């Protein structure tokens, strides 16, 4: 799930015993009953990682990265 990490979302992640990511911009974990992996990340983290991942590609093309 991609969302803003509001107080309510954080409380629900903690209720589900999800683990906070090292950068504190998301949560992850496995739900045994549903046999599902859950990952919750903030929209800011999505944008930041996309920029980092594509920076060298844009540099080679001569495109701005800001």
Foldseek 3Di string as FASTA:
>chain_A
DEAAPDPVNVVVCVVQVWDADPVNQWTWDARVVVRDTDIYGYPVVVVVVVLVVCVVVCVVVVHDSD
